[in-house]
Amino acid sequence: EGAPRVRTVVFRGFAPDGRLKIITDARSAKVKESKAVEMCWWFSQSSEQYRFTGEMAYVGADDADVDAVALRKQQWGNLSDGAREQFFWKHPPRDAFDEAPEAVPAGGRDAATGNVLPAPD
């Protein structure tokens, strides 16, 4: 109980302090299961595999760490429009994509201005 399970996530780069930046929907099961994480990283060109273990730090919009919140906001703005849209779905994807999602802001953008909307929490 509380041990990490295999989950697919997308590596988004390194934070200035060297931590890995990985984003996921806060509503997903992987966030609720455990803060313990383990990842396997395969480098095909060198045929090397690295395993990392650690603890996940979820950064919400109201997090006390202002630098982490700034990174969160920057990463949100760097997402593709399609990736942002998924965070506005009523339910996050499960084992497979749900039926056609309900109406969501196209590209995660304000319809009138075209500006990127804040990340939903």
PDB file of N, CA and C in Angstrom:
ATOM      1  N   GLU A   1       0.839  -1.174   0.000  1.00  0.00           N
ATOM      2  CA  GLU A   1       0.000   0.000   0.000  1.00  0.00           C
ATOM      3  C   GLU A   1       0.887   1.241   0.000  1.00  0.00           C
ATOM      4  N   GLY A   2       0.558   2.206  -0.819  1.00  0.00           N
ATOM      5  CA  GLY A   2       1.332   3.433  -0.885  1.00  0.00           C
ATOM      6  C   GLY A   2       2.549   3.352  -1.793  1.00  0.00           C
ATOM      7  N   ALA A   3       2.788   2.185  -2.395  1.00  0.00           N
ATOM      8  CA  ALA A   3       3.932   2.040  -3.296  1.00  0.00           C
ATOM      9  C   ALA A   3       3.566   2.599  -4.666  1.00  0.00           C
ATOM     10  N   PRO A   4       4.549   3.117  -5.392  1.00  0.00           N
ATOM     11  CA  PRO A   4       4.244   3.664  -6.709  1.00  0.00           C
ATOM     12  C   PRO A   4       3.775   2.583  -7.674  1.00  0.00           C
ATOM     13  N   ARG A   5       2.930   2.977  -8.612  1.00  0.00           N
ATOM     14  CA  ARG A   5       2.489   2.110  -9.694  1.00  0.00           C
ATOM     15  C   ARG A   5       2.975   2.719 -10.984  1.00  0.00           C
ATOM     16  N   VAL A   6       3.115   1.904 -11.988  1.00  0.00           N
ATOM     17  CA  VAL A   6       3.589   2.394 -13.278  1.00  0.00           C
ATOM     18  C   VAL A   6       2.529   3.311 -13.880  1.00  0.00           C
ATOM     19  N   ARG A   7       2.948   4.487 -14.258  1.00  0.00           N
ATOM     20  CA  ARG A   7       2.082   5.457 -14.920  1.00  0.00           C
ATOM     21  C   ARG A   7       2.888   6.143 -16.010  1.00  0.00           C
ATOM     22  N   THR A   8       2.228   6.497 -17.079  1.00  0.00           N
ATOM     23  CA  THR A   8       2.890   7.220 -18.145  1.00  0.00           C
ATOM     24  C   THR A   8       2.706   8.709 -17.923  1.00  0.00           C
ATOM     25  N   VAL A   9       3.797   9.434 -17.957  1.00  0.00           N
ATOM     26  CA  VAL A   9       3.769  10.890 -17.833  1.00  0.00           C
ATOM     27  C   VAL A   9       4.724  11.464 -18.873  1.00  0.00           C
ATOM     28  N   VAL A  10       4.661  12.747 -19.083  1.00  0.00           N
ATOM     29  CA  VAL A  10       5.533  13.411 -20.048  1.00  0.00           C
ATOM     30  C   VAL A  10       6.519  14.290 -19.301  1.00  0.00           C
ATOM     31  N   PHE A  11       7.796  14.076 -19.560  1.00  0.00           N
ATOM     32  CA  PHE A  11       8.857  14.890 -18.982  1.00  0.00           C
ATOM     33  C   PHE A  11       8.852  16.243 -19.690  1.00  0.00           C
ATOM     34  N   ARG A  12       8.806  17.314 -18.919  1.00  0.00           N
ATOM     35  CA  ARG A  12       8.714  18.663 -19.489  1.00  0.00           C
ATOM     36  C   ARG A  12       9.972  19.493 -19.268  1.00  0.00           C
ATOM     37  N   GLY A  13      11.041  18.876 -18.807  1.00  0.00           N
ATOM     38  CA  GLY A  13      12.284  19.615 -18.609  1.00  0.00           C
ATOM     39  C   GLY A  13      12.703  19.611 -17.149  1.00  0.00           C
ATOM     40  N   PHE A  14      13.739  20.346 -16.889  1.00  0.00           N
ATOM     41  CA  PHE A  14      14.265  20.454 -15.535  1.00  0.00           C
ATOM     42  C   PHE A  14      13.923  21.821 -14.949  1.00  0.00           C
ATOM     43  N   ALA A  15      13.568  21.839 -13.680  1.00  0.00           N
ATOM     44  CA  ALA A  15      13.382  23.090 -12.950  1.00  0.00           C
ATOM     45  C   ALA A  15      14.768  23.658 -12.665  1.00  0.00           C
ATOM     46  N   PRO A  16      14.884  24.951 -12.389  1.00  0.00           N
ATOM     47  CA  PRO A  16      16.197  25.545 -12.107  1.00  0.00           C
ATOM     48  C   PRO A  16      16.963  24.845 -10.982  1.00  0.00           C
ATOM     49  N   ASP A  17      16.243  24.240 -10.039  1.00  0.00           N
ATOM     50  CA  ASP A  17      16.930  23.557  -8.933  1.00  0.00           C
ATOM     51  C   ASP A  17      17.268  22.107  -9.268  1.00  0.00           C
ATOM     52  N   GLY A  18      17.013  21.678 -10.502  1.00  0.00           N
ATOM     53  CA  GLY A  18      17.366  20.333 -10.943  1.00  0.00           C
ATOM     54  C   GLY A  18      16.259  19.315 -10.845  1.00  0.00           C
ATOM     55  N   ARG A  19      15.134  19.658 -10.203  1.00  0.00           N
ATOM     56  CA  ARG A  19      14.026  18.711 -10.130  1.00  0.00           C
ATOM     57  C   ARG A  19      13.435  18.497 -11.518  1.00  0.00           C
ATOM     58  N   LEU A  20      12.859  17.322 -11.725  1.00  0.00           N
ATOM     59  CA  LEU A  20      12.201  17.015 -12.990  1.00  0.00           C
ATOM     60  C   LEU A  20      10.835  17.694 -13.034  1.00  0.00           C
ATOM     61  N   LYS A  21      10.503  18.291 -14.165  1.00  0.00           N
ATOM     62  CA  LYS A  21       9.174  18.881 -14.337  1.00  0.00           C
ATOM     63  C   LYS A  21       8.310  17.883 -15.096  1.00  0.00           C
ATOM     64  N   ILE A  22       7.268  17.422 -14.429  1.00  0.00           N
ATOM     65  CA  ILE A  22       6.312  16.494 -15.016  1.00  0.00           C
ATOM     66  C   ILE A  22       4.940  17.016 -14.637  1.00  0.00           C
ATOM     67  N   ILE A  23       4.050  17.094 -15.617  1.00  0.00           N
ATOM     68  CA  ILE A  23       2.722  17.604 -15.298  1.00  0.00           C
ATOM     69  C   ILE A  23       1.697  16.482 -15.415  1.00  0.00           C
ATOM     70  N   THR A  24       0.645  16.616 -14.645  1.00  0.00           N
ATOM     71  CA  THR A  24      -0.486  15.696 -14.730  1.00  0.00           C
ATOM     72  C   THR A  24      -1.707  16.405 -14.176  1.00  0.00           C
ATOM     73  N   ASP A  25      -2.858  15.860 -14.463  1.00  0.00           N
ATOM     74  CA  ASP A  25      -4.116  16.405 -13.972  1.00  0.00           C
ATOM     75  C   ASP A  25      -4.259  16.040 -12.500  1.00  0.00           C
ATOM     76  N   ALA A  26      -4.488  17.015 -11.644  1.00  0.00           N
ATOM     77  CA  ALA A  26      -4.603  16.783 -10.204  1.00  0.00           C
ATOM     78  C   ALA A  26      -5.762  15.844  -9.873  1.00  0.00           C
ATOM     79  N   ARG A  27      -6.718  15.690 -10.787  1.00  0.00           N
ATOM     80  CA  ARG A  27      -7.858  14.808 -10.552  1.00  0.00           C
ATOM     81  C   ARG A  27      -7.556  13.352 -10.877  1.00  0.00           C
ATOM     82  N   SER A  28      -6.390  13.079 -11.471  1.00  0.00           N
ATOM     83  CA  SER A  28      -6.091  11.716 -11.896  1.00  0.00           C
ATOM     84  C   SER A  28      -5.747  10.813 -10.723  1.00  0.00           C
ATOM     85  N   ALA A  29      -5.920   9.525 -10.928  1.00  0.00           N
ATOM     86  CA  ALA A  29      -5.673   8.543  -9.868  1.00  0.00           C
ATOM     87  C   ALA A  29      -4.221   8.570  -9.415  1.00  0.00           C
ATOM     88  N   LYS A  30      -3.296   8.818 -10.330  1.00  0.00           N
ATOM     89  CA  LYS A  30      -1.872   8.773  -9.966  1.00  0.00           C
ATOM     90  C   LYS A  30      -1.507   9.805  -8.900  1.00  0.00           C
ATOM     91  N   VAL A  31      -2.219  10.916  -8.854  1.00  0.00           N
ATOM     92  CA  VAL A  31      -1.949  11.935  -7.841  1.00  0.00           C
ATOM     93  C   VAL A  31      -2.479  11.492  -6.481  1.00  0.00           C
ATOM     94  N   LYS A  32      -3.619  10.838  -6.489  1.00  0.00           N
ATOM     95  CA  LYS A  32      -4.258  10.429  -5.238  1.00  0.00           C
ATOM     96  C   LYS A  32      -3.635   9.180  -4.620  1.00  0.00           C
ATOM     97  N   GLU A  33      -2.982   8.356  -5.425  1.00  0.00           N
ATOM     98  CA  GLU A  33      -2.474   7.076  -4.941  1.00  0.00           C
ATOM     99  C   GLU A  33      -1.338   7.218  -3.933  1.00  0.00           C
ATOM    100  N   SER A  34      -0.368   8.026  -4.267  1.00  0.00           N
ATOM    101  CA  SER A  34       0.815   8.101  -3.413  1.00  0.00           C
ATOM    102  C   SER A  34       1.696   9.251  -3.857  1.00  0.00           C
ATOM    103  N   LYS A  35       2.421   9.828  -2.922  1.00  0.00           N
ATOM    104  CA  LYS A  35       3.426  10.832  -3.277  1.00  0.00           C
ATOM    105  C   LYS A  35       4.742  10.159  -3.660  1.00  0.00           C
ATOM    106  N   ALA A  36       4.869   8.864  -3.342  1.00  0.00           N
ATOM    107  CA  ALA A  36       6.071   8.117  -3.719  1.00  0.00           C
ATOM    108  C   ALA A  36       6.037   7.869  -5.226  1.00  0.00           C
ATOM    109  N   VAL A  37       7.145   8.131  -5.896  1.00  0.00           N
ATOM    110  CA  VAL A  37       7.216   7.931  -7.340  1.00  0.00           C
ATOM    111  C   VAL A  37       8.495   7.178  -7.698  1.00  0.00           C
ATOM    112  N   GLU A  38       8.414   6.488  -8.784  1.00  0.00           N
ATOM    113  CA  GLU A  38       9.586   5.840  -9.361  1.00  0.00           C
ATOM    114  C   GLU A  38       9.427   5.931 -10.860  1.00  0.00           C
ATOM    115  N   MET A  39      10.506   6.279 -11.536  1.00  0.00           N
ATOM    116  CA  MET A  39      10.423   6.373 -12.983  1.00  0.00           C
ATOM    117  C   MET A  39      11.609   5.674 -13.626  1.00  0.00           C
ATOM    118  N   CYS A  40      11.369   5.191 -14.800  1.00  0.00           N
ATOM    119  CA  CYS A  40      12.407   4.534 -15.581  1.00  0.00           C
ATOM    120  C   CYS A  40      12.584   5.348 -16.848  1.00  0.00           C
ATOM    121  N   TRP A  41      13.795   5.729 -17.111  1.00  0.00           N
ATOM    122  CA  TRP A  41      14.097   6.578 -18.261  1.00  0.00           C
ATOM    123  C   TRP A  41      15.044   5.821 -19.171  1.00  0.00           C
ATOM    124  N   TRP A  42      14.636   5.593 -20.402  1.00  0.00           N
ATOM    125  CA  TRP A  42      15.423   4.834 -21.371  1.00  0.00           C
ATOM    126  C   TRP A  42      15.998   5.797 -22.408  1.00  0.00           C
ATOM    127  N   PHE A  43      17.300   5.690 -22.629  1.00  0.00           N
ATOM    128  CA  PHE A  43      17.980   6.482 -23.651  1.00  0.00           C
ATOM    129  C   PHE A  43      18.355   5.529 -24.784  1.00  0.00           C
ATOM    130  N   SER A  44      17.625   5.598 -25.888  1.00  0.00           N
ATOM    131  CA  SER A  44      17.782   4.628 -26.966  1.00  0.00           C
ATOM    132  C   SER A  44      19.129   4.740 -27.685  1.00  0.00           C
ATOM    133  N   GLN A  45      19.650   5.947 -27.845  1.00  0.00           N
ATOM    134  CA  GLN A  45      20.908   6.094 -28.586  1.00  0.00           C
ATOM    135  C   GLN A  45      22.092   5.470 -27.861  1.00  0.00           C
ATOM    136  N   SER A  46      22.092   5.529 -26.537  1.00  0.00           N
ATOM    137  CA  SER A  46      23.211   4.963 -25.770  1.00  0.00           C
ATOM    138  C   SER A  46      22.855   3.616 -25.133  1.00  0.00           C
ATOM    139  N   SER A  47      21.617   3.174 -25.336  1.00  0.00           N
ATOM    140  CA  SER A  47      21.123   1.923 -24.727  1.00  0.00           C
ATOM    141  C   SER A  47      21.331   1.909 -23.219  1.00  0.00           C
ATOM    142  N   GLU A  48      21.023   3.037 -22.591  1.00  0.00           N
ATOM    143  CA  GLU A  48      21.145   3.141 -21.137  1.00  0.00           C
ATOM    144  C   GLU A  48      19.761   3.338 -20.527  1.00  0.00           C
ATOM    145  N   GLN A  49      19.612   2.807 -19.337  1.00  0.00           N
ATOM    146  CA  GLN A  49      18.372   2.958 -18.590  1.00  0.00           C
ATOM    147  C   GLN A  49      18.706   3.487 -17.211  1.00  0.00           C
ATOM    148  N   TYR A  50      17.944   4.467 -16.767  1.00  0.00           N
ATOM    149  CA  TYR A  50      18.131   5.033 -15.428  1.00  0.00           C
ATOM    150  C   TYR A  50      16.812   4.958 -14.686  1.00  0.00           C
ATOM    151  N   ARG A  51      16.898   4.645 -13.410  1.00  0.00           N
ATOM    152  CA  ARG A  51      15.711   4.612 -12.559  1.00  0.00           C
ATOM    153  C   ARG A  51      15.874   5.656 -11.468  1.00  0.00           C
ATOM    154  N   PHE A  52      14.806   6.383 -11.233  1.00  0.00           N
ATOM    155  CA  PHE A  52      14.784   7.420 -10.214  1.00  0.00           C
ATOM    156  C   PHE A  52      13.652   7.106  -9.244  1.00  0.00           C
ATOM    157  N   THR A  53      13.880   7.314  -7.985  1.00  0.00           N
ATOM    158  CA  THR A  53      12.809   7.238  -7.004  1.00  0.00           C
ATOM    159  C   THR A  53      12.778   8.553  -6.242  1.00  0.00           C
ATOM    160  N   GLY A  54      11.636   8.909  -5.754  1.00  0.00           N
ATOM    161  CA  GLY A  54      11.534  10.156  -5.010  1.00  0.00           C
ATOM    162  C   GLY A  54      10.122  10.404  -4.557  1.00  0.00           C
ATOM    163  N   GLU A  55       9.849  11.655  -4.293  1.00  0.00           N
ATOM    164  CA  GLU A  55       8.532  12.060  -3.834  1.00  0.00           C
ATOM    165  C   GLU A  55       8.009  13.160  -4.741  1.00  0.00           C
ATOM    166  N   MET A  56       6.747  13.023  -5.123  1.00  0.00           N
ATOM    167  CA  MET A  56       6.104  14.010  -5.970  1.00  0.00           C
ATOM    168  C   MET A  56       5.734  15.234  -5.149  1.00  0.00           C
ATOM    169  N   ALA A  57       5.882  16.387  -5.735  1.00  0.00           N
ATOM    170  CA  ALA A  57       5.417  17.622  -5.120  1.00  0.00           C
ATOM    171  C   ALA A  57       4.378  18.224  -6.060  1.00  0.00           C
ATOM    172  N   TYR A  58       3.110  18.199  -5.642  1.00  0.00           N
ATOM    173  CA  TYR A  58       2.065  18.824  -6.439  1.00  0.00           C
ATOM    174  C   TYR A  58       2.092  20.323  -6.180  1.00  0.00           C
ATOM    175  N   VAL A  59       2.113  21.102  -7.243  1.00  0.00           N
ATOM    176  CA  VAL A  59       2.136  22.557  -7.124  1.00  0.00           C
ATOM    177  C   VAL A  59       0.816  23.103  -7.651  1.00  0.00           C
ATOM    178  N   GLY A  60      -0.022  23.560  -6.743  1.00  0.00           N
ATOM    179  CA  GLY A  60      -1.292  24.171  -7.110  1.00  0.00           C
ATOM    180  C   GLY A  60      -1.127  25.675  -7.253  1.00  0.00           C
ATOM    181  N   ALA A  61      -2.164  26.331  -7.748  1.00  0.00           N
ATOM    182  CA  ALA A  61      -2.103  27.777  -7.967  1.00  0.00           C
ATOM    183  C   ALA A  61      -1.876  28.550  -6.681  1.00  0.00           C
ATOM    184  N   ASP A  62      -2.294  27.989  -5.549  1.00  0.00           N
ATOM    185  CA  ASP A  62      -2.161  28.690  -4.267  1.00  0.00           C
ATOM    186  C   ASP A  62      -1.004  28.150  -3.425  1.00  0.00           C
ATOM    187  N   ASP A  63      -0.066  27.442  -4.053  1.00  0.00           N
ATOM    188  CA  ASP A  63       1.088  26.884  -3.340  1.00  0.00           C
ATOM    189  C   ASP A  63       1.900  28.011  -2.708  1.00  0.00           C
ATOM    190  N   ALA A  64       2.493  27.751  -1.549  1.00  0.00           N
ATOM    191  CA  ALA A  64       3.277  28.760  -0.832  1.00  0.00           C
ATOM    192  C   ALA A  64       4.605  29.068  -1.526  1.00  0.00           C
ATOM    193  N   ASP A  65       5.101  28.146  -2.343  1.00  0.00           N
ATOM    194  CA  ASP A  65       6.374  28.328  -3.036  1.00  0.00           C
ATOM    195  C   ASP A  65       6.144  29.153  -4.304  1.00  0.00           C
ATOM    196  N   VAL A  66       6.411  30.454  -4.227  1.00  0.00           N
ATOM    197  CA  VAL A  66       6.108  31.348  -5.351  1.00  0.00           C
ATOM    198  C   VAL A  66       6.917  31.003  -6.595  1.00  0.00           C
ATOM    199  N   ASP A  67       8.140  30.499  -6.431  1.00  0.00           N
ATOM    200  CA  ASP A  67       8.946  30.099  -7.585  1.00  0.00           C
ATOM    201  C   ASP A  67       8.324  28.898  -8.287  1.00  0.00           C
ATOM    202  N   ALA A  68       7.827  27.940  -7.496  1.00  0.00           N
ATOM    203  CA  ALA A  68       7.177  26.771  -8.079  1.00  0.00           C
ATOM    204  C   ALA A  68       5.896  27.167  -8.801  1.00  0.00           C
ATOM    205  N   VAL A  69       5.144  28.098  -8.242  1.00  0.00           N
ATOM    206  CA  VAL A  69       3.919  28.573  -8.888  1.00  0.00           C
ATOM    207  C   VAL A  69       4.258  29.278 -10.207  1.00  0.00           C
ATOM    208  N   ALA A  70       5.337  30.037 -10.222  1.00  0.00           N
ATOM    209  CA  ALA A  70       5.762  30.703 -11.458  1.00  0.00           C
ATOM    210  C   ALA A  70       6.137  29.675 -12.523  1.00  0.00           C
ATOM    211  N   LEU A  71       6.834  28.596 -12.123  1.00  0.00           N
ATOM    212  CA  LEU A  71       7.166  27.524 -13.069  1.00  0.00           C
ATOM    213  C   LEU A  71       5.905  26.847 -13.586  1.00  0.00           C
ATOM    214  N   ARG A  72       4.943  26.658 -12.690  1.00  0.00           N
ATOM    215  CA  ARG A  72       3.670  26.048 -13.078  1.00  0.00           C
ATOM    216  C   ARG A  72       2.980  26.897 -14.140  1.00  0.00           C
ATOM    217  N   LYS A  73       2.930  28.181 -13.890  1.00  0.00           N
ATOM    218  CA  LYS A  73       2.280  29.097 -14.832  1.00  0.00           C
ATOM    219  C   LYS A  73       3.019  29.111 -16.172  1.00  0.00           C
ATOM    220  N   GLN A  74       4.336  29.126 -16.122  1.00  0.00           N
ATOM    221  CA  GLN A  74       5.133  29.103 -17.357  1.00  0.00           C
ATOM    222  C   GLN A  74       4.881  27.816 -18.139  1.00  0.00           C
ATOM    223  N   GLN A  75       4.879  26.679 -17.438  1.00  0.00           N
ATOM    224  CA  GLN A  75       4.658  25.399 -18.109  1.00  0.00           C
ATOM    225  C   GLN A  75       3.266  25.338 -18.721  1.00  0.00           C
ATOM    226  N   TRP A  76       2.274  25.854 -18.018  1.00  0.00           N
ATOM    227  CA  TRP A  76       0.904  25.892 -18.527  1.00  0.00           C
ATOM    228  C   TRP A  76       0.859  26.659 -19.844  1.00  0.00           C
ATOM    229  N   GLY A  77       1.539  27.789 -19.895  1.00  0.00           N
ATOM    230  CA  GLY A  77       1.564  28.585 -21.123  1.00  0.00           C
ATOM    231  C   GLY A  77       2.302  27.904 -22.260  1.00  0.00           C
ATOM    232  N   ASN A  78       3.238  27.014 -21.936  1.00  0.00           N
ATOM    233  CA  ASN A  78       4.020  26.308 -22.951  1.00  0.00           C
ATOM    234  C   ASN A  78       3.310  25.094 -23.534  1.00  0.00           C
ATOM    235  N   LEU A  79       2.219  24.646 -22.903  1.00  0.00           N
ATOM    236  CA  LEU A  79       1.500  23.485 -23.417  1.00  0.00           C
ATOM    237  C   LEU A  79       0.845  23.811 -24.747  1.00  0.00           C
ATOM    238  N   SER A  80       0.650  22.787 -25.552  1.00  0.00           N
ATOM    239  CA  SER A  80      -0.106  22.979 -26.792  1.00  0.00           C
ATOM    240  C   SER A  80      -1.567  23.235 -26.431  1.00  0.00           C
ATOM    241  N   ASP A  81      -2.299  23.831 -27.353  1.00  0.00           N
ATOM    242  CA  ASP A  81      -3.711  24.098 -27.101  1.00  0.00           C
ATOM    243  C   ASP A  81      -4.461  22.799 -26.793  1.00  0.00           C
ATOM    244  N   GLY A  82      -4.187  21.743 -27.533  1.00  0.00           N
ATOM    245  CA  GLY A  82      -4.856  20.470 -27.320  1.00  0.00           C
ATOM    246  C   GLY A  82      -4.576  19.888 -25.943  1.00  0.00           C
ATOM    247  N   ALA A  83      -3.346  20.027 -25.476  1.00  0.00           N
ATOM    248  CA  ALA A  83      -2.993  19.515 -24.143  1.00  0.00           C
ATOM    249  C   ALA A  83      -3.736  20.304 -23.066  1.00  0.00           C
ATOM    250  N   ARG A  84      -3.818  21.620 -23.228  1.00  0.00           N
ATOM    251  CA  ARG A  84      -4.534  22.444 -22.241  1.00  0.00           C
ATOM    252  C   ARG A  84      -6.018  22.083 -22.182  1.00  0.00           C
ATOM    253  N   GLU A  85      -6.618  21.806 -23.341  1.00  0.00           N
ATOM    254  CA  GLU A  85      -8.048  21.484 -23.382  1.00  0.00           C
ATOM    255  C   GLU A  85      -8.388  20.319 -22.465  1.00  0.00           C
ATOM    256  N   GLN A  86      -7.524  19.318 -22.390  1.00  0.00           N
ATOM    257  CA  GLN A  86      -7.820  18.123 -21.597  1.00  0.00           C
ATOM    258  C   GLN A  86      -8.016  18.448 -20.118  1.00  0.00           C
ATOM    259  N   PHE A  87      -7.377  19.499 -19.627  1.00  0.00           N
ATOM    260  CA  PHE A  87      -7.509  19.864 -18.220  1.00  0.00           C
ATOM    261  C   PHE A  87      -8.867  20.488 -17.913  1.00  0.00           C
ATOM    262  N   PHE A  88      -9.617  20.854 -18.937  1.00  0.00           N
ATOM    263  CA  PHE A  88     -10.942  21.439 -18.749  1.00  0.00           C
ATOM    264  C   PHE A  88     -12.051  20.396 -18.906  1.00  0.00           C
ATOM    265  N   TRP A  89     -11.689  19.153 -19.258  1.00  0.00           N
ATOM    266  CA  TRP A  89     -12.700  18.106 -19.358  1.00  0.00           C
ATOM    267  C   TRP A  89     -13.327  17.903 -17.991  1.00  0.00           C
ATOM    268  N   LYS A  90     -14.598  17.540 -17.995  1.00  0.00           N
ATOM    269  CA  LYS A  90     -15.307  17.301 -16.739  1.00  0.00           C
ATOM    270  C   LYS A  90     -14.639  16.176 -15.943  1.00  0.00           C
ATOM    271  N   HIS A  91     -14.195  15.135 -16.629  1.00  0.00           N
ATOM    272  CA  HIS A  91     -13.510  14.012 -15.989  1.00  0.00           C
ATOM    273  C   HIS A  91     -12.194  13.787 -16.710  1.00  0.00           C
ATOM    274  N   PRO A  92     -11.116  13.527 -15.976  1.00  0.00           N
ATOM    275  CA  PRO A  92      -9.850  13.242 -16.661  1.00  0.00           C
ATOM    276  C   PRO A  92      -9.923  11.897 -17.371  1.00  0.00           C
ATOM    277  N   PRO A  93      -9.112  11.687 -18.407  1.00  0.00           N
ATOM    278  CA  PRO A  93      -9.119  10.391 -19.091  1.00  0.00           C
ATOM    279  C   PRO A  93      -8.786   9.261 -18.110  1.00  0.00           C
ATOM    280  N   ARG A  94      -9.364   8.105 -18.358  1.00  0.00           N
ATOM    281  CA  ARG A  94      -9.078   6.934 -17.505  1.00  0.00           C
ATOM    282  C   ARG A  94      -8.230   5.961 -18.314  1.00  0.00           C
ATOM    283  N   ASP A  95      -8.637   4.696 -18.367  1.00  0.00           N
ATOM    284  CA  ASP A  95      -7.871   3.692 -19.101  1.00  0.00           C
ATOM    285  C   ASP A  95      -7.835   4.012 -20.594  1.00  0.00           C
ATOM    286  N   ALA A  96      -8.892   4.563 -21.090  1.00  0.00           N
ATOM    287  CA  ALA A  96      -8.972   4.986 -22.487  1.00  0.00           C
ATOM    288  C   ALA A  96      -9.745   6.294 -22.488  1.00  0.00           C
ATOM    289  N   PHE A  97      -9.689   7.005 -23.581  1.00  0.00           N
ATOM    290  CA  PHE A  97     -10.384   8.276 -23.623  1.00  0.00           C
ATOM    291  C   PHE A  97     -11.884   8.072 -23.515  1.00  0.00           C
ATOM    292  N   ASP A  98     -12.518   8.943 -22.770  1.00  0.00           N
ATOM    293  CA  ASP A  98     -13.963   8.904 -22.620  1.00  0.00           C
ATOM    294  C   ASP A  98     -14.606   9.198 -23.974  1.00  0.00           C
ATOM    295  N   GLU A  99     -15.926   9.088 -24.005  1.00  0.00           N
ATOM    296  CA  GLU A  99     -16.640   9.509 -25.197  1.00  0.00           C
ATOM    297  C   GLU A  99     -16.309  10.976 -25.426  1.00  0.00           C
ATOM    298  N   ALA A 100     -16.786  11.525 -26.516  1.00  0.00           N
ATOM    299  CA  ALA A 100     -16.479  12.922 -26.830  1.00  0.00           C
ATOM    300  C   ALA A 100     -16.667  13.788 -25.588  1.00  0.00           C
ATOM    301  N   PRO A 101     -15.644  14.533 -25.205  1.00  0.00           N
ATOM    302  CA  PRO A 101     -15.759  15.343 -23.993  1.00  0.00           C
ATOM    303  C   PRO A 101     -16.791  16.455 -24.156  1.00  0.00           C
ATOM    304  N   GLU A 102     -17.275  16.911 -23.014  1.00  0.00           N
ATOM    305  CA  GLU A 102     -18.224  18.014 -23.015  1.00  0.00           C
ATOM    306  C   GLU A 102     -17.547  19.258 -23.597  1.00  0.00           C
ATOM    307  N   ALA A 103     -18.317  20.303 -23.789  1.00  0.00           N
ATOM    308  CA  ALA A 103     -17.756  21.538 -24.338  1.00  0.00           C
ATOM    309  C   ALA A 103     -16.649  22.061 -23.420  1.00  0.00           C
ATOM    310  N   VAL A 104     -15.514  22.305 -23.991  1.00  0.00           N
ATOM    311  CA  VAL A 104     -14.386  22.852 -23.243  1.00  0.00           C
ATOM    312  C   VAL A 104     -13.868  24.065 -23.999  1.00  0.00           C
ATOM    313  N   PRO A 105     -13.161  24.966 -23.315  1.00  0.00           N
ATOM    314  CA  PRO A 105     -12.621  26.124 -24.018  1.00  0.00           C
ATOM    315  C   PRO A 105     -11.611  25.671 -25.072  1.00  0.00           C
ATOM    316  N   ALA A 106     -11.850  26.014 -26.311  1.00  0.00           N
ATOM    317  CA  ALA A 106     -10.959  25.608 -27.397  1.00  0.00           C
ATOM    318  C   ALA A 106      -9.532  26.061 -27.099  1.00  0.00           C
ATOM    319  N   GLY A 107      -8.633  25.103 -27.081  1.00  0.00           N
ATOM    320  CA  GLY A 107      -7.225  25.417 -26.843  1.00  0.00           C
ATOM    321  C   GLY A 107      -6.937  25.900 -25.434  1.00  0.00           C
ATOM    322  N   GLY A 108      -7.922  25.793 -24.529  1.00  0.00           N
ATOM    323  CA  GLY A 108      -7.718  26.328 -23.184  1.00  0.00           C
ATOM    324  C   GLY A 108      -7.585  27.840 -23.211  1.00  0.00           C
ATOM    325  N   ARG A 109      -8.258  28.457 -24.181  1.00  0.00           N
ATOM    326  CA  ARG A 109      -8.156  29.907 -24.390  1.00  0.00           C
ATOM    327  C   ARG A 109      -9.509  30.590 -24.226  1.00  0.00           C
ATOM    328  N   ASP A 110      -9.476  31.846 -23.845  1.00  0.00           N
ATOM    329  CA  ASP A 110     -10.677  32.669 -23.737  1.00  0.00           C
ATOM    330  C   ASP A 110     -11.212  32.883 -25.144  1.00  0.00           C
ATOM    331  N   ALA A 111     -12.489  32.597 -25.354  1.00  0.00           N
ATOM    332  CA  ALA A 111     -13.084  32.695 -26.704  1.00  0.00           C
ATOM    333  C   ALA A 111     -13.064  34.133 -27.235  1.00  0.00           C
ATOM    334  N   ALA A 112     -13.211  35.112 -26.367  1.00  0.00           N
ATOM    335  CA  ALA A 112     -13.283  36.502 -26.822  1.00  0.00           C
ATOM    336  C   ALA A 112     -11.904  37.084 -27.118  1.00  0.00           C
ATOM    337  N   THR A 113     -10.926  36.786 -26.263  1.00  0.00           N
ATOM    338  CA  THR A 113      -9.606  37.432 -26.404  1.00  0.00           C
ATOM    339  C   THR A 113      -8.551  36.535 -27.013  1.00  0.00           C
ATOM    340  N   GLY A 114      -8.732  35.210 -26.943  1.00  0.00           N
ATOM    341  CA  GLY A 114      -7.716  34.280 -27.418  1.00  0.00           C
ATOM    342  C   GLY A 114      -6.597  34.062 -26.410  1.00  0.00           C
ATOM    343  N   ASN A 115      -6.694  34.713 -25.244  1.00  0.00           N
ATOM    344  CA  ASN A 115      -5.666  34.553 -24.216  1.00  0.00           C
ATOM    345  C   ASN A 115      -5.783  33.182 -23.553  1.00  0.00           C
ATOM    346  N   VAL A 116      -4.657  32.639 -23.124  1.00  0.00           N
ATOM    347  CA  VAL A 116      -4.635  31.366 -22.413  1.00  0.00           C
ATOM    348  C   VAL A 116      -5.326  31.550 -21.070  1.00  0.00           C
ATOM    349  N   LEU A 117      -6.271  30.648 -20.748  1.00  0.00           N
ATOM    350  CA  LEU A 117      -6.965  30.678 -19.478  1.00  0.00           C
ATOM    351  C   LEU A 117      -6.051  30.140 -18.372  1.00  0.00           C
ATOM    352  N   PRO A 118      -6.273  30.544 -17.125  1.00  0.00           N
ATOM    353  CA  PRO A 118      -5.485  29.976 -16.018  1.00  0.00           C
ATOM    354  C   PRO A 118      -5.743  28.470 -15.912  1.00  0.00           C
ATOM    355  N   ALA A 119      -4.771  27.744 -15.414  1.00  0.00           N
ATOM    356  CA  ALA A 119      -4.924  26.300 -15.218  1.00  0.00           C
ATOM    357  C   ALA A 119      -6.012  26.038 -14.186  1.00  0.00           C
ATOM    358  N   PRO A 120      -6.939  25.140 -14.475  1.00  0.00           N
ATOM    359  CA  PRO A 120      -7.951  24.813 -13.477  1.00  0.00           C
ATOM    360  C   PRO A 120      -7.326  23.973 -12.361  1.00  0.00           C
ATOM    361  N   ASP A 121      -7.803  24.138 -11.143  1.00  0.00           N
ATOM    362  CA  ASP A 121      -7.307  23.338 -10.004  1.00  0.00           C
ATOM    363  C   ASP A 121      -8.326  22.315  -9.612  1.00  0.00           C
TER     364      ASP A 121
END
